[in-house]
Amino acid sequence: MHIKVPHKFSQFEATQRVKKALDMAVPQMKKEAQLEIHEERWENNTLHFDFTAQKQRIRGTLLVEDKNYVIDAKLPLMMRLFEGRIEREIAEQIKKMQ
């Protein structure tokens, strides 16, 4: 899955908004989606992630560019059926951060 969503912030501000959104969302997702985080590591402006939610493992990166968020993730076969829906939901959540 590859998603590119524009933002209107500096790269630093956009990165901080992602970090804040994750800090707020992860506790709730741990309860609701049985979230288990295997990796959440920032390398400059790139988040490397690896987690299991609802027994489905997802790995990838979120790159914060000057004007875009770029998400590349490997979805399990079952989730690929809903890839378009997942992409729309992610884009919607990103827009809420702005």
N, C-alpha and C. Protein backbone atom coordinates (compact mmCIF):
# COMPACT_ATOMS: atom_id res chain seq x y z
N MET A 1 0.85 -1.16 0.00
CA MET A 1 0.00 0.00 0.00
C MET A 1 0.90 1.23 0.00
N HIS A 2 0.61 2.17 -0.84
CA HIS A 2 1.37 3.42 -0.93
C HIS A 2 0.37 4.57 -0.93
N ILE A 3 0.53 5.47 0.05
CA ILE A 3 -0.37 6.62 0.17
C ILE A 3 0.48 7.88 0.28
N LYS A 4 0.07 8.92 -0.41
CA LYS A 4 0.73 10.22 -0.32
C LYS A 4 -0.35 11.26 -0.04
N VAL A 5 -0.25 11.91 1.13
CA VAL A 5 -1.27 12.88 1.54
C VAL A 5 -0.57 14.21 1.81
N PRO A 6 -1.02 15.28 1.17
CA PRO A 6 -0.38 16.58 1.39
C PRO A 6 -0.67 17.15 2.78
N HIS A 7 0.25 17.97 3.27
CA HIS A 7 0.03 18.73 4.50
C HIS A 7 0.52 20.15 4.27
N LYS A 8 0.17 21.04 5.19
CA LYS A 8 0.49 22.46 5.01
C LYS A 8 1.47 22.98 6.05
N PHE A 9 2.18 22.10 6.72
CA PHE A 9 3.07 22.48 7.79
C PHE A 9 4.53 22.36 7.38
N SER A 10 5.40 22.89 8.24
CA SER A 10 6.82 22.61 8.04
C SER A 10 7.03 21.12 8.32
N GLN A 11 8.14 20.61 7.87
CA GLN A 11 8.43 19.19 8.10
C GLN A 11 8.48 18.90 9.60
N PHE A 12 9.10 19.79 10.37
CA PHE A 12 9.19 19.62 11.82
C PHE A 12 7.81 19.59 12.46
N GLU A 13 6.97 20.58 12.12
CA GLU A 13 5.61 20.65 12.69
C GLU A 13 4.78 19.43 12.29
N ALA A 14 4.88 19.01 11.06
CA ALA A 14 4.13 17.83 10.59
C ALA A 14 4.57 16.59 11.35
N THR A 15 5.86 16.44 11.59
CA THR A 15 6.37 15.30 12.35
C THR A 15 5.84 15.34 13.78
N GLN A 16 5.85 16.51 14.40
CA GLN A 16 5.34 16.64 15.77
C GLN A 16 3.86 16.30 15.84
N ARG A 17 3.10 16.67 14.83
CA ARG A 17 1.67 16.36 14.81
C ARG A 17 1.43 14.84 14.71
N VAL A 18 2.25 14.16 13.94
CA VAL A 18 2.13 12.70 13.85
C VAL A 18 2.43 12.08 15.21
N LYS A 19 3.50 12.52 15.84
CA LYS A 19 3.88 11.97 17.15
C LYS A 19 2.78 12.19 18.18
N LYS A 20 2.21 13.38 18.19
CA LYS A 20 1.12 13.69 19.13
C LYS A 20 -0.11 12.83 18.84
N ALA A 21 -0.46 12.70 17.57
CA ALA A 21 -1.63 11.89 17.20
C ALA A 21 -1.43 10.43 17.62
N LEU A 22 -0.23 9.92 17.43
CA LEU A 22 0.04 8.54 17.84
C LEU A 22 -0.04 8.38 19.35
N ASP A 23 0.50 9.35 20.08
CA ASP A 23 0.44 9.30 21.55
C ASP A 23 -1.00 9.25 22.04
N MET A 24 -1.88 9.94 21.34
CA MET A 24 -3.29 9.97 21.73
C MET A 24 -4.04 8.71 21.28
N ALA A 25 -3.71 8.19 20.10
CA ALA A 25 -4.48 7.09 19.52
C ALA A 25 -4.07 5.70 20.03
N VAL A 26 -2.81 5.51 20.31
CA VAL A 26 -2.32 4.16 20.63
C VAL A 26 -3.01 3.56 21.86
N PRO A 27 -3.16 4.28 22.98
CA PRO A 27 -3.84 3.65 24.13
C PRO A 27 -5.25 3.15 23.81
N GLN A 28 -6.00 3.94 23.05
CA GLN A 28 -7.36 3.54 22.68
C GLN A 28 -7.33 2.34 21.74
N MET A 29 -6.39 2.34 20.79
CA MET A 29 -6.30 1.23 19.83
C MET A 29 -5.86 -0.06 20.52
N LYS A 30 -5.07 0.05 21.58
CA LYS A 30 -4.66 -1.15 22.31
C LYS A 30 -5.88 -1.86 22.88
N LYS A 31 -6.86 -1.07 23.31
CA LYS A 31 -8.09 -1.65 23.86
C LYS A 31 -9.02 -2.15 22.76
N GLU A 32 -9.28 -1.30 21.78
CA GLU A 32 -10.31 -1.59 20.78
C GLU A 32 -9.86 -2.57 19.70
N ALA A 33 -8.61 -2.49 19.27
CA ALA A 33 -8.15 -3.29 18.14
C ALA A 33 -7.13 -4.35 18.54
N GLN A 34 -6.99 -4.55 19.84
CA GLN A 34 -6.01 -5.52 20.34
C GLN A 34 -4.63 -5.22 19.74
N LEU A 35 -4.26 -3.95 19.78
CA LEU A 35 -3.01 -3.48 19.18
C LEU A 35 -1.82 -3.96 19.99
N GLU A 36 -0.84 -4.50 19.27
CA GLU A 36 0.44 -4.87 19.86
C GLU A 36 1.53 -4.27 18.98
N ILE A 37 2.32 -3.38 19.57
CA ILE A 37 3.37 -2.70 18.81
C ILE A 37 4.67 -3.49 18.92
N HIS A 38 5.23 -3.85 17.77
CA HIS A 38 6.50 -4.57 17.72
C HIS A 38 7.65 -3.59 17.48
N GLU A 39 7.38 -2.53 16.71
CA GLU A 39 8.39 -1.51 16.46
C GLU A 39 7.70 -0.17 16.21
N GLU A 40 8.24 0.86 16.82
CA GLU A 40 7.82 2.25 16.59
C GLU A 40 9.09 3.07 16.76
N ARG A 41 9.79 3.29 15.66
CA ARG A 41 11.11 3.90 15.72
C ARG A 41 11.21 5.03 14.70
N TRP A 42 11.61 6.19 15.21
CA TRP A 42 11.83 7.34 14.34
C TRP A 42 13.29 7.39 13.94
N GLU A 43 13.53 7.59 12.67
CA GLU A 43 14.86 7.81 12.12
C GLU A 43 14.76 9.09 11.30
N ASN A 44 15.21 10.18 11.91
CA ASN A 44 15.03 11.52 11.33
C ASN A 44 13.55 11.79 11.12
N ASN A 45 13.10 11.93 9.90
CA ASN A 45 11.69 12.23 9.63
C ASN A 45 10.92 11.00 9.12
N THR A 46 11.42 9.81 9.42
CA THR A 46 10.76 8.58 8.99
C THR A 46 10.41 7.72 10.18
N LEU A 47 9.14 7.37 10.28
CA LEU A 47 8.68 6.44 11.30
C LEU A 47 8.68 5.04 10.72
N HIS A 48 9.39 4.14 11.36
CA HIS A 48 9.36 2.72 11.00
C HIS A 48 8.39 2.06 11.97
N PHE A 49 7.41 1.37 11.43
CA PHE A 49 6.41 0.76 12.30
C PHE A 49 6.19 -0.70 11.95
N ASP A 50 5.79 -1.43 12.98
CA ASP A 50 5.48 -2.86 12.85
C ASP A 50 4.54 -3.15 13.99
N PHE A 51 3.30 -3.50 13.66
CA PHE A 51 2.32 -3.77 14.71
C PHE A 51 1.33 -4.84 14.27
N THR A 52 0.66 -5.37 15.25
CA THR A 52 -0.42 -6.32 15.01
C THR A 52 -1.70 -5.70 15.56
N ALA A 53 -2.74 -5.67 14.74
CA ALA A 53 -4.05 -5.18 15.15
C ALA A 53 -5.09 -6.17 14.66
N GLN A 54 -5.95 -6.58 15.54
CA GLN A 54 -6.98 -7.57 15.21
C GLN A 54 -6.37 -8.78 14.53
N LYS A 55 -5.23 -9.22 15.07
CA LYS A 55 -4.51 -10.41 14.62
C LYS A 55 -3.93 -10.29 13.21
N GLN A 56 -3.80 -9.06 12.72
CA GLN A 56 -3.22 -8.81 11.40
C GLN A 56 -1.95 -7.98 11.58
N ARG A 57 -0.83 -8.45 11.05
CA ARG A 57 0.45 -7.75 11.22
C ARG A 57 0.70 -6.81 10.04
N ILE A 58 1.08 -5.58 10.38
CA ILE A 58 1.32 -4.54 9.38
C ILE A 58 2.69 -3.92 9.65
N ARG A 59 3.48 -3.81 8.59
CA ARG A 59 4.82 -3.23 8.68
C ARG A 59 4.96 -2.16 7.62
N GLY A 60 5.78 -1.14 7.94
CA GLY A 60 6.02 -0.13 6.93
C GLY A 60 6.70 1.10 7.47
N THR A 61 6.58 2.17 6.68
CA THR A 61 7.18 3.45 7.05
C THR A 61 6.20 4.58 6.78
N LEU A 62 6.37 5.64 7.55
CA LEU A 62 5.67 6.89 7.31
C LEU A 62 6.76 7.94 7.19
N LEU A 63 6.91 8.49 6.00
CA LEU A 63 7.90 9.51 5.72
C LEU A 63 7.22 10.88 5.75
N VAL A 64 7.77 11.79 6.54
CA VAL A 64 7.24 13.15 6.58
C VAL A 64 8.13 14.00 5.69
N GLU A 65 7.59 14.40 4.55
CA GLU A 65 8.31 15.26 3.61
C GLU A 65 7.93 16.72 3.88
N ASP A 66 8.50 17.63 3.11
CA ASP A 66 8.20 19.05 3.28
C ASP A 66 6.72 19.37 3.11
N LYS A 67 6.07 18.71 2.18
CA LYS A 67 4.66 19.03 1.90
C LYS A 67 3.74 17.81 1.87
N ASN A 68 4.27 16.63 2.16
CA ASN A 68 3.47 15.40 2.09
C ASN A 68 3.81 14.43 3.20
N TYR A 69 2.82 13.64 3.57
CA TYR A 69 3.04 12.42 4.35
C TYR A 69 3.04 11.28 3.33
N VAL A 70 4.01 10.40 3.40
CA VAL A 70 4.08 9.27 2.49
C VAL A 70 4.12 8.00 3.31
N ILE A 71 3.12 7.16 3.14
CA ILE A 71 3.02 5.91 3.89
C ILE A 71 3.21 4.76 2.93
N ASP A 72 4.14 3.89 3.27
CA ASP A 72 4.33 2.63 2.55
C ASP A 72 4.17 1.52 3.57
N ALA A 73 3.25 0.62 3.32
CA ALA A 73 2.98 -0.45 4.28
C ALA A 73 2.69 -1.75 3.56
N LYS A 74 3.12 -2.82 4.18
CA LYS A 74 2.82 -4.15 3.67
C LYS A 74 1.62 -4.68 4.46
N LEU A 75 0.53 -4.88 3.72
CA LEU A 75 -0.70 -5.37 4.34
C LEU A 75 -0.81 -6.89 4.19
N PRO A 76 -1.37 -7.56 5.20
CA PRO A 76 -1.64 -8.98 5.05
C PRO A 76 -2.70 -9.20 3.97
N LEU A 77 -2.72 -10.38 3.44
CA LEU A 77 -3.63 -10.70 2.34
C LEU A 77 -5.08 -10.33 2.65
N MET A 78 -5.55 -10.66 3.84
CA MET A 78 -6.95 -10.37 4.19
C MET A 78 -7.25 -8.87 4.16
N MET A 79 -6.28 -8.07 4.55
CA MET A 79 -6.52 -6.62 4.58
C MET A 79 -6.39 -5.98 3.21
N ARG A 80 -5.72 -6.62 2.28
CA ARG A 80 -5.58 -6.07 0.93
C ARG A 80 -6.94 -5.91 0.25
N LEU A 81 -7.89 -6.73 0.66
CA LEU A 81 -9.23 -6.63 0.10
C LEU A 81 -9.87 -5.28 0.43
N PHE A 82 -9.42 -4.67 1.52
CA PHE A 82 -9.99 -3.40 1.98
C PHE A 82 -9.01 -2.24 1.82
N GLU A 83 -8.02 -2.40 0.95
CA GLU A 83 -6.96 -1.42 0.81
C GLU A 83 -7.49 -0.02 0.49
N GLY A 84 -8.41 0.09 -0.42
CA GLY A 84 -8.97 1.40 -0.77
C GLY A 84 -9.65 2.06 0.41
N ARG A 85 -10.40 1.29 1.15
CA ARG A 85 -11.08 1.80 2.34
C ARG A 85 -10.07 2.24 3.40
N ILE A 86 -9.02 1.45 3.59
CA ILE A 86 -7.97 1.78 4.55
C ILE A 86 -7.27 3.07 4.14
N GLU A 87 -6.96 3.21 2.86
CA GLU A 87 -6.31 4.43 2.37
C GLU A 87 -7.18 5.65 2.61
N ARG A 88 -8.47 5.55 2.35
CA ARG A 88 -9.38 6.68 2.58
C ARG A 88 -9.45 7.04 4.05
N GLU A 89 -9.49 6.05 4.92
CA GLU A 89 -9.56 6.30 6.36
C GLU A 89 -8.28 6.98 6.85
N ILE A 90 -7.13 6.52 6.39
CA ILE A 90 -5.86 7.14 6.77
C ILE A 90 -5.82 8.59 6.30
N ALA A 91 -6.20 8.83 5.06
CA ALA A 91 -6.22 10.20 4.52
C ALA A 91 -7.14 11.09 5.35
N GLU A 92 -8.28 10.56 5.74
CA GLU A 92 -9.24 11.32 6.56
C GLU A 92 -8.65 11.65 7.93
N GLN A 93 -7.98 10.70 8.55
CA GLN A 93 -7.35 10.94 9.85
C GLN A 93 -6.24 11.97 9.74
N ILE A 94 -5.48 11.94 8.67
CA ILE A 94 -4.42 12.93 8.47
C ILE A 94 -5.02 14.32 8.30
N LYS A 95 -6.11 14.42 7.57
CA LYS A 95 -6.76 15.73 7.38
C LYS A 95 -7.24 16.30 8.71
N LYS A 96 -7.65 15.45 9.64
CA LYS A 96 -8.10 15.90 10.95
C LYS A 96 -6.95 16.49 11.77
N MET A 97 -5.72 16.11 11.46
CA MET A 97 -4.57 16.66 12.18
C MET A 97 -4.25 18.08 11.74
N GLN A 98 -4.85 18.54 10.66
CA GLN A 98 -4.49 19.85 10.10
C GLN A 98 -5.39 20.95 10.58
